[in-house]
Amino acid sequence: MDVDERVLPVWQLSEGELLGGLLESEKALRRQYGRTLELIAEADKRGLAGVQGYSSMVTLLVMALRLSRGEAKARVVQASTPMPLVKDALAAGEIGPEHVTQIQKVLAQAPAGLPEVDRASSEATLVELARQARPVDVAKAGQQILGHWNIEDTPPDDRERRHAGPHREFRGRYRYDGQYVFTGELDPETAAELEGAMHPLAKPDPADADGLPDPRTPVQRRGDALAEIISRTARADDLPTTGGERAVVIVTVSLAELEQRADTAMLDARGYTSISQLRRWCCEAKVLPAVLGSQGEVLDLGRGSRLATPAQRRALAIRDRGCTRPGCTRGVKWCHVHHVLSWIDHGPSDLDNMILVCARHHRELHHTGWSVRIRHGTPEFIPPEWLDPEQKPIRNTAHDPPTVRHQEPVVPTQRRPPQQAAPCPPSA
């Protein structure tokens, strides 16, 4: 591409220059994508996600680059999969991200006992095809390679199967009419438990007084059974809730640890064992702090306290309209109440010390370098220094109502009638 193509507006380019510029631009994007995967691989190798307070590299990419979780996960998987020929083809701008996705999907299913020479040969075949064909064609060729490998009859690696854990998926969306449509899959044990719970609830109702049978179809009965299971689960006493009042949490921590903000604590809820997690839970929970002395004796067993009243939640809903983290569109019902200055630091339960934040960004506030302040009644988030060296405070505008600019009515200007020149006095 010569200098004129980069400088001239596109409408001034000839057809040849336009097509040539399009091809070069695509090559540049592909080369840059290869560089992105290299950066992700190195960052993951160094454990930068954990250093910055994120649970995984995927989460860091979601938060820092504003990617969808699916896109972030795909990039991390591609970056961590050994594909030297793919890497070279990307560096040359010969294949694109969708080609990489299809090739990686095939190579990820290679049997554990597959000779390395066969794996390399298959990668070469797919890369060569990707240089000439569409991603969908690469996917079709990949299916043929999988059939050649005969992966259906290949026993899985015992060690990987042991560490993989049960495979479960759930995908759901709201339809235009408000109905919730979902699909997914469960591991055999969980599926058996679900069937055991649904079977008695999905039985037909007894015939009515007129002897008519239950009019519901089997599919409708199972749907009603699932709704009953969800309703009963939601009313369980030991189930923490999202967006509403949480269950009672008994915290067991020594007085010294509490004062020094030590690293560990014992909670009566699974999965919460650190002080940073404790601080997040205590933003909106009925907390029973059991403070122990040096010999393990109970020094104080506090009474449950609700930190945000219903009236305060309504006021926050009006002020914040949803999650206050910049870029988040989560509504009020998905949000927790977060104390800017936490209860451990003697933060008051006042509106000017509380904000609404969704569960994901609540965790981000407590476990990463992000912080928040309230300035002139508006929550402002301060990014970590690695993300923004200047750490400029930013606010969420996703909930702001659209502004309608009312134009002032245009009043037509009235033209003055042309003034007639005064008659000349008669000459003497």
Protein backbone atom coordinates (compact mmCIF):
# COMPACT_ATOMS: atom_id res chain seq x y z
CA MET A 1 0.00 0.00 0.00
CA ASP A 2 1.54 3.31 -1.00
CA VAL A 3 1.33 6.54 0.93
CA ASP A 4 -1.53 7.93 -1.13
CA GLU A 5 -3.85 5.02 -0.15
CA ARG A 6 -3.30 5.69 3.55
CA VAL A 7 -3.80 9.44 3.28
CA LEU A 8 -6.48 9.86 0.66
CA PRO A 9 -10.14 9.49 1.69
CA VAL A 10 -11.51 6.14 0.54
CA TRP A 11 -13.92 7.76 -1.88
CA GLN A 12 -10.95 9.09 -3.83
CA LEU A 13 -9.34 5.66 -4.35
CA SER A 14 -9.59 3.81 -7.62
CA GLU A 15 -11.18 0.35 -7.71
CA GLY A 16 -7.77 -1.30 -7.72
CA GLU A 17 -6.56 0.78 -4.79
CA LEU A 18 -9.77 0.10 -2.89
CA LEU A 19 -9.51 -3.68 -3.31
CA GLY A 20 -5.78 -3.68 -2.57
CA GLY A 21 -6.31 -1.63 0.56
CA LEU A 22 -9.05 -4.01 1.72
CA LEU A 23 -6.76 -7.03 1.36
CA GLU A 24 -3.87 -5.33 3.17
CA SER A 25 -6.16 -4.17 5.96
CA GLU A 26 -7.39 -7.72 6.52
CA LYS A 27 -3.84 -9.04 6.63
CA ALA A 28 -2.94 -6.43 9.22
CA LEU A 29 -5.91 -7.45 11.39
CA ARG A 30 -4.90 -11.11 11.17
CA ARG A 31 -1.29 -10.38 12.08
CA GLN A 32 -2.43 -8.28 15.03
CA TYR A 33 -4.71 -11.10 16.20
CA GLY A 34 -1.70 -13.42 16.24
CA ARG A 35 0.17 -10.87 18.33
CA THR A 36 -2.80 -10.65 20.70
CA LEU A 37 -2.71 -14.42 21.26
CA GLU A 38 1.01 -14.24 22.01
CA LEU A 39 0.41 -11.52 24.61
CA ILE A 40 -2.41 -13.51 26.21
CA ALA A 41 -0.27 -16.66 26.38
CA GLU A 42 2.61 -14.83 28.05
CA ALA A 43 0.31 -13.01 30.50
CA ASP A 44 -1.34 -16.30 31.40
CA LYS A 45 2.05 -17.97 31.84
CA ARG A 46 3.11 -15.26 34.29
CA GLY A 47 -0.17 -15.47 36.21
CA LEU A 48 -0.98 -11.79 35.74
CA ALA A 49 -4.70 -12.36 36.24
CA GLY A 50 -4.14 -13.55 39.81
CA VAL A 51 -1.67 -10.74 40.46
CA GLN A 52 -4.33 -8.19 39.49
CA GLY A 53 -6.99 -9.91 41.61
CA TYR A 54 -8.97 -11.74 38.92
CA SER A 55 -9.94 -15.39 39.19
CA SER A 56 -8.74 -16.26 35.68
CA MET A 57 -7.28 -14.85 32.50
CA VAL A 58 -10.73 -15.07 30.95
CA THR A 59 -12.18 -12.78 33.62
CA LEU A 60 -9.35 -10.28 33.19
CA LEU A 61 -10.00 -10.08 29.43
CA VAL A 62 -13.73 -9.66 30.01
CA MET A 63 -13.21 -6.81 32.44
CA ALA A 64 -10.20 -5.07 30.86
CA LEU A 65 -11.00 -5.44 27.15
CA ARG A 66 -14.80 -5.49 27.49
CA LEU A 67 -15.06 -8.78 25.62
CA SER A 68 -17.89 -11.26 25.88
CA ARG A 69 -17.04 -14.24 28.06
CA GLY A 70 -17.29 -16.53 25.04
CA GLU A 71 -14.82 -14.45 23.04
CA ALA A 72 -12.42 -14.13 25.99
CA LYS A 73 -12.52 -17.87 26.65
CA ALA A 74 -11.91 -18.64 22.96
CA ARG A 75 -8.84 -16.39 22.90
CA VAL A 76 -7.36 -17.91 26.05
CA VAL A 77 -7.91 -21.44 24.75
CA GLN A 78 -6.36 -20.60 21.39
CA ALA A 79 -3.41 -18.88 23.05
CA SER A 80 -2.72 -21.90 25.28
CA THR A 81 -3.05 -24.58 22.58
CA PRO A 82 0.29 -25.51 20.92
CA MET A 83 -0.26 -24.66 17.23
CA PRO A 84 3.08 -23.59 15.70
CA LEU A 85 1.87 -23.72 12.09
CA VAL A 86 -1.23 -21.71 12.94
CA LYS A 87 0.99 -19.15 14.65
CA ASP A 88 3.14 -18.78 11.54
CA ALA A 89 0.11 -18.46 9.25
CA LEU A 90 -1.35 -15.74 11.49
CA ALA A 91 1.94 -13.86 11.53
CA ALA A 92 1.87 -13.86 7.74
CA GLY A 93 -1.74 -12.66 7.67
CA GLU A 94 -2.82 -15.75 5.72
CA ILE A 95 -5.59 -17.03 7.99
CA GLY A 96 -8.08 -15.31 10.29
CA PRO A 97 -9.50 -15.76 13.80
CA GLU A 98 -12.38 -17.96 12.62
CA HIS A 99 -9.93 -20.31 10.90
CA VAL A 100 -7.96 -20.51 14.15
CA THR A 101 -11.14 -21.35 16.07
CA GLN A 102 -11.97 -24.30 13.82
CA ILE A 103 -8.42 -25.66 13.80
CA GLN A 104 -8.13 -25.41 17.58
CA LYS A 105 -11.42 -27.25 18.08
CA VAL A 106 -10.07 -30.19 16.09
CA LEU A 107 -6.64 -30.31 17.71
CA ALA A 108 -8.18 -30.07 21.20
CA GLN A 109 -9.90 -33.43 20.58
CA ALA A 110 -6.72 -35.26 19.64
CA PRO A 111 -6.47 -38.56 21.57
CA ALA A 112 -3.82 -38.68 24.27
CA GLY A 113 -1.99 -41.49 22.50
CA LEU A 114 -1.90 -39.81 19.09
CA PRO A 115 1.69 -39.67 17.77
CA GLU A 116 3.04 -36.13 17.52
CA VAL A 117 3.85 -36.62 13.84
CA ASP A 118 0.15 -37.34 13.14
CA ARG A 119 -0.96 -34.30 15.09
CA ALA A 120 1.50 -32.07 13.24
CA SER A 121 0.41 -33.54 9.91
CA SER A 122 -3.25 -32.84 10.70
CA GLU A 123 -2.44 -29.26 11.71
CA ALA A 124 -0.55 -28.76 8.44
CA THR A 125 -3.51 -30.09 6.46
CA LEU A 126 -5.96 -27.75 8.18
CA VAL A 127 -3.69 -24.70 7.90
CA GLU A 128 -3.09 -25.30 4.21
CA LEU A 129 -6.83 -25.58 3.63
CA ALA A 130 -7.46 -22.43 5.71
CA ARG A 131 -5.17 -20.47 3.36
CA GLN A 132 -7.56 -21.26 0.52
CA ALA A 133 -11.02 -21.87 2.00
CA ARG A 134 -13.63 -20.53 4.38
CA PRO A 135 -13.78 -21.46 8.07
CA VAL A 136 -16.83 -23.65 7.43
CA ASP A 137 -14.79 -25.71 4.95
CA VAL A 138 -12.02 -26.09 7.53
CA ALA A 139 -14.62 -27.35 10.02
CA LYS A 140 -15.82 -29.99 7.56
CA ALA A 141 -12.27 -31.18 6.96
CA GLY A 142 -11.79 -31.28 10.71
CA GLN A 143 -14.71 -33.69 11.04
CA GLN A 144 -13.02 -36.02 8.58
CA ILE A 145 -9.80 -35.87 10.59
CA LEU A 146 -11.70 -36.68 13.80
CA GLY A 147 -13.23 -39.68 12.07
CA HIS A 148 -9.75 -40.78 10.98
CA TRP A 149 -8.56 -40.51 14.57
CA ASN A 150 -11.57 -42.61 15.66
CA ILE A 151 -11.96 -40.59 18.84
CA GLU A 152 -15.29 -42.23 19.71
CA ASP A 153 -13.51 -45.54 20.40
CA THR A 154 -10.52 -43.93 22.07
CA PRO A 155 -10.70 -44.13 25.88
CA PRO A 156 -10.31 -40.72 27.57
CA ASP A 157 -7.23 -40.01 29.56
CA ASP A 158 -8.00 -41.05 33.14
CA ARG A 159 -6.08 -38.19 34.71
CA GLU A 160 -7.83 -35.52 32.63
CA ARG A 161 -11.21 -37.14 33.24
CA ARG A 162 -10.58 -37.19 36.98
CA HIS A 163 -9.70 -33.49 37.12
CA ALA A 164 -12.28 -32.29 34.63
CA GLY A 165 -15.22 -32.77 37.00
CA PRO A 166 -18.87 -33.05 35.95
CA HIS A 167 -19.75 -31.29 32.72
CA ARG A 168 -22.84 -29.08 32.94
CA GLU A 169 -24.11 -26.30 30.74
CA PHE A 170 -27.05 -23.91 30.87
CA ARG A 171 -28.05 -21.40 28.24
CA GLY A 172 -31.11 -19.19 28.59
CA ARG A 173 -32.67 -16.06 27.15
CA TYR A 174 -35.86 -14.05 27.45
CA ARG A 175 -38.15 -14.11 24.44
CA TYR A 176 -39.89 -10.97 23.22
CA ASP A 177 -43.08 -11.97 25.07
CA GLY A 178 -41.26 -12.44 28.38
CA GLN A 179 -41.07 -16.23 28.23
CA TYR A 180 -37.72 -17.73 29.25
CA VAL A 181 -36.25 -20.21 26.76
CA PHE A 182 -33.34 -22.42 27.83
CA THR A 183 -31.25 -25.42 26.80
CA GLY A 184 -28.35 -27.25 28.39
CA GLU A 185 -26.94 -30.53 29.55
CA LEU A 186 -26.20 -32.26 32.87
CA ASP A 187 -23.86 -34.96 34.03
CA PRO A 188 -25.50 -38.37 34.72
CA GLU A 189 -25.59 -37.99 38.51
CA THR A 190 -27.22 -34.56 38.45
CA ALA A 191 -29.64 -35.69 35.75
CA ALA A 192 -30.72 -38.61 37.92
CA GLU A 193 -31.32 -36.26 40.86
CA LEU A 194 -33.37 -33.93 38.67
CA GLU A 195 -35.48 -36.76 37.31
CA GLY A 196 -36.03 -38.09 40.82
CA ALA A 197 -37.26 -34.67 41.95
CA MET A 198 -39.42 -34.06 38.88
CA HIS A 199 -41.08 -37.48 38.63
CA PRO A 200 -43.50 -37.17 41.57
CA LEU A 201 -44.25 -33.52 40.75
CA ALA A 202 -44.92 -34.22 37.06
CA LYS A 203 -47.59 -36.87 37.63
CA PRO A 204 -51.04 -36.08 36.17
CA ASP A 205 -53.50 -34.51 38.57
CA PRO A 206 -56.47 -36.68 39.60
CA ALA A 207 -59.59 -36.45 37.48
CA ASP A 208 -61.85 -33.54 38.34
CA ALA A 209 -65.43 -33.76 39.64
CA ASP A 210 -66.72 -34.38 36.12
CA GLY A 211 -64.27 -37.22 35.57
CA LEU A 212 -62.12 -35.27 33.13
CA PRO A 213 -58.40 -36.09 33.21
CA ASP A 214 -55.57 -33.65 33.69
CA PRO A 215 -55.60 -31.55 30.48
CA ARG A 216 -51.86 -30.85 30.59
CA THR A 217 -49.52 -32.57 28.17
CA PRO A 218 -46.48 -34.46 29.54
CA VAL A 219 -44.26 -31.58 28.43
CA GLN A 220 -46.44 -29.06 30.29
CA ARG A 221 -46.48 -31.23 33.43
CA ARG A 222 -42.68 -31.42 33.43
CA GLY A 223 -42.52 -27.65 32.97
CA ASP A 224 -44.83 -27.15 35.96
CA ALA A 225 -42.71 -29.59 37.95
CA LEU A 226 -39.56 -27.63 37.19
CA ALA A 227 -41.30 -24.40 38.22
CA GLU A 228 -42.27 -26.04 41.52
CA ILE A 229 -38.68 -27.17 42.12
CA ILE A 230 -37.40 -23.65 41.45
CA SER A 231 -40.04 -22.13 43.72
CA ARG A 232 -39.23 -24.52 46.58
CA THR A 233 -35.50 -23.95 46.18
CA ALA A 234 -35.94 -20.18 46.21
CA ARG A 235 -37.73 -20.46 49.56
CA ALA A 236 -34.99 -22.57 51.14
CA ASP A 237 -33.75 -21.08 54.38
CA ASP A 238 -30.06 -21.75 53.68
CA LEU A 239 -29.98 -20.33 50.15
CA PRO A 240 -28.18 -16.97 49.74
CA THR A 241 -30.18 -14.64 47.53
CA THR A 242 -29.04 -12.24 44.83
CA GLY A 243 -30.38 -8.73 44.87
CA GLY A 244 -32.47 -9.20 48.03
CA GLU A 245 -31.66 -9.88 51.64
CA ARG A 246 -29.09 -12.63 52.08
CA ALA A 247 -29.22 -15.52 54.48
CA VAL A 248 -27.69 -15.23 57.94
CA VAL A 249 -23.92 -15.77 57.86
CA ILE A 250 -22.00 -16.68 61.01
CA VAL A 251 -18.41 -15.48 60.75
CA THR A 252 -15.78 -17.04 62.98
CA VAL A 253 -12.62 -14.95 63.10
CA SER A 254 -10.14 -14.04 65.79
CA LEU A 255 -10.07 -10.51 67.11
CA ALA A 256 -6.45 -10.11 65.98
CA GLU A 257 -7.27 -11.31 62.47
CA LEU A 258 -10.23 -8.97 62.27
CA GLU A 259 -8.14 -6.01 63.35
CA GLN A 260 -5.22 -6.92 61.07
CA ARG A 261 -7.43 -7.96 58.13
CA ALA A 262 -5.71 -11.33 57.93
CA ASP A 263 -5.97 -13.62 54.94
CA THR A 264 -8.35 -16.30 56.18
CA ALA A 265 -11.62 -16.63 58.03
CA MET A 266 -14.11 -19.44 58.67
CA LEU A 267 -17.61 -18.93 57.33
CA ASP A 268 -20.60 -21.25 57.49
CA ALA A 269 -21.00 -21.03 53.69
CA ARG A 270 -18.93 -23.05 51.26
CA GLY A 271 -16.51 -21.25 49.00
CA TYR A 272 -15.95 -18.20 51.21
CA THR A 273 -12.75 -18.43 53.21
CA SER A 274 -10.88 -15.13 52.85
CA ILE A 275 -11.23 -11.79 54.55
CA SER A 276 -11.70 -10.06 51.18
CA GLN A 277 -14.62 -12.37 50.45
CA LEU A 278 -15.94 -11.75 53.95
CA ARG A 279 -15.87 -8.01 53.35
CA ARG A 280 -17.91 -8.48 50.17
CA TRP A 281 -20.50 -10.67 51.93
CA CYS A 282 -20.83 -8.19 54.74
CA CYS A 283 -21.82 -5.41 52.35
CA GLU A 284 -25.34 -6.80 52.37
CA ALA A 285 -25.95 -9.65 54.78
CA LYS A 286 -27.28 -10.47 58.19
CA VAL A 287 -23.94 -11.04 59.88
CA LEU A 288 -23.37 -12.78 63.19
CA PRO A 289 -19.73 -12.00 64.01
CA ALA A 290 -18.33 -14.58 66.42
CA VAL A 291 -15.11 -12.93 67.62
CA LEU A 292 -12.69 -15.30 69.35
CA GLY A 293 -9.84 -14.62 71.74
CA SER A 294 -6.32 -16.03 71.61
CA GLN A 295 -7.48 -19.28 73.29
CA GLY A 296 -10.47 -19.71 71.00
CA GLU A 297 -12.96 -18.46 73.55
CA VAL A 298 -15.97 -16.51 72.28
CA LEU A 299 -15.44 -12.85 73.12
CA ASP A 300 -18.53 -11.57 71.37
CA LEU A 301 -21.45 -13.09 69.46
CA GLY A 302 -23.14 -10.18 67.78
CA ARG A 303 -26.77 -9.92 66.74
CA GLY A 304 -27.86 -9.91 63.11
CA SER A 305 -28.16 -6.51 61.51
CA ARG A 306 -29.51 -5.52 58.14
CA LEU A 307 -27.20 -2.89 56.70
CA ALA A 308 -29.49 -1.50 54.02
CA THR A 309 -33.16 -0.92 54.80
CA PRO A 310 -35.87 -1.40 52.16
CA ALA A 311 -36.33 2.37 52.06
CA GLN A 312 -32.63 2.84 51.39
CA ARG A 313 -32.72 0.24 48.61
CA ARG A 314 -35.59 2.10 46.98
CA ALA A 315 -33.67 5.37 47.22
CA LEU A 316 -30.59 3.73 45.71
CA ALA A 317 -32.72 2.28 42.92
CA ILE A 318 -33.92 5.78 42.06
CA ARG A 319 -30.44 7.29 42.24
CA ASP A 320 -28.33 4.54 40.61
CA ARG A 321 -30.96 2.84 38.36
CA GLY A 322 -28.84 -0.33 38.39
CA CYS A 323 -25.23 -1.43 38.65
CA THR A 324 -23.00 1.63 38.92
CA ARG A 325 -19.90 0.04 37.39
CA PRO A 326 -19.11 1.88 34.13
CA GLY A 327 -20.39 -0.03 31.13
CA CYS A 328 -22.69 -2.39 33.08
CA THR A 329 -26.36 -2.50 32.09
CA ARG A 330 -27.59 -4.76 34.92
CA GLY A 331 -30.82 -3.52 36.44
CA VAL A 332 -31.71 -2.91 40.06
CA LYS A 333 -33.07 -6.39 40.77
CA TRP A 334 -29.66 -7.94 39.98
CA CYS A 335 -27.71 -5.66 42.34
CA HIS A 336 -26.23 -5.83 45.83
CA VAL A 337 -25.75 -2.86 48.11
CA HIS A 338 -22.04 -2.13 48.46
CA HIS A 339 -20.56 0.07 51.17
CA VAL A 340 -17.89 2.40 49.77
CA LEU A 341 -16.27 2.44 53.20
CA SER A 342 -16.86 -1.09 54.49
CA TRP A 343 -18.26 -2.07 57.85
CA ILE A 344 -14.82 -3.29 58.96
CA ASP A 345 -13.59 0.27 58.48
CA HIS A 346 -16.59 1.64 60.42
CA GLY A 347 -18.38 2.71 57.26
CA PRO A 348 -21.87 4.11 57.95
CA SER A 349 -25.03 2.69 56.39
CA ASP A 350 -25.92 6.00 54.79
CA LEU A 351 -26.92 6.69 51.21
CA ASP A 352 -23.76 8.70 50.60
CA ASN A 353 -21.73 5.60 51.53
CA MET A 354 -23.69 3.00 49.53
CA ILE A 355 -24.00 2.10 45.87
CA LEU A 356 -25.73 -0.57 43.83
CA VAL A 357 -23.46 -3.04 42.07
CA CYS A 358 -24.11 -6.40 40.40
CA ALA A 359 -22.57 -9.61 41.72
CA ARG A 360 -19.79 -9.76 39.12
CA HIS A 361 -18.63 -6.20 39.64
CA HIS A 362 -19.11 -6.53 43.39
CA ARG A 363 -16.45 -9.22 43.32
CA GLU A 364 -14.29 -7.00 41.14
CA LEU A 365 -14.41 -4.18 43.68
CA HIS A 366 -13.34 -6.44 46.52
CA HIS A 367 -10.69 -8.53 44.78
CA THR A 368 -9.01 -6.27 42.20
CA GLY A 369 -7.47 -2.84 41.99
CA TRP A 370 -10.74 -1.08 41.17
CA SER A 371 -12.11 1.37 43.74
CA VAL A 372 -15.16 3.60 43.97
CA ARG A 373 -16.09 6.94 45.45
CA ILE A 374 -19.23 9.06 45.58
CA ARG A 375 -18.75 12.59 44.33
CA HIS A 376 -21.61 15.10 44.35
CA GLY A 377 -24.03 12.21 44.87
CA THR A 378 -22.77 10.24 41.84
CA PRO A 379 -20.73 7.02 42.13
CA GLU A 380 -17.39 7.22 40.30
CA PHE A 381 -15.16 4.21 39.66
CA ILE A 382 -11.38 4.53 39.66
CA PRO A 383 -9.59 1.93 37.50
CA PRO A 384 -6.37 0.27 38.64
CA GLU A 385 -3.12 1.90 37.59
CA TRP A 386 -2.19 -0.91 35.18
CA LEU A 387 -5.40 -0.29 33.23
CA ASP A 388 -5.28 3.51 33.34
CA PRO A 389 -1.99 5.08 34.52
CA GLU A 390 -3.80 8.37 35.18
CA GLN A 391 -6.60 6.60 37.11
CA LYS A 392 -9.26 8.99 35.90
CA PRO A 393 -12.59 8.50 37.71
CA ILE A 394 -15.37 7.36 35.38
CA ARG A 395 -19.11 7.02 35.89
CA ASN A 396 -21.68 4.70 34.39
CA THR A 397 -23.91 6.30 31.78
CA ALA A 398 -25.59 3.08 30.63
CA HIS A 399 -28.68 3.81 32.76
CA ASP A 400 -28.99 7.48 31.84
CA PRO A 401 -32.29 8.22 30.12
CA PRO A 402 -31.98 9.60 26.60
CA THR A 403 -31.99 13.33 26.54
CA VAL A 404 -34.50 14.98 24.28
CA ARG A 405 -33.41 18.32 23.06
CA HIS A 406 -36.34 20.65 22.65
CA GLN A 407 -35.69 23.16 19.97
CA GLU A 408 -36.91 26.62 20.56
CA PRO A 409 -39.68 27.50 18.13
CA VAL A 410 -38.37 29.50 15.27
CA VAL A 411 -40.18 32.80 15.16
CA PRO A 412 -40.12 34.17 11.63
CA THR A 413 -38.64 37.59 11.50
CA GLN A 414 -40.98 40.19 10.19
CA ARG A 415 -39.51 42.38 7.59
CA ARG A 416 -40.06 46.03 7.93
CA PRO A 417 -41.69 47.65 4.95
CA PRO A 418 -39.14 49.58 2.98
CA GLN A 419 -39.07 53.16 4.08
CA GLN A 420 -39.98 55.59 1.40
CA ALA A 421 -37.64 58.39 0.93
CA ALA A 422 -38.93 61.71 2.09
CA PRO A 423 -40.01 63.94 -0.77
CA CYS A 424 -37.51 66.54 -1.70
CA PRO A 425 -38.55 70.03 -0.75
CA PRO A 426 -39.49 72.16 -3.67
CA SER A 427 -36.69 74.11 -4.96
CA ALA A 428 -36.84 77.72 -4.19
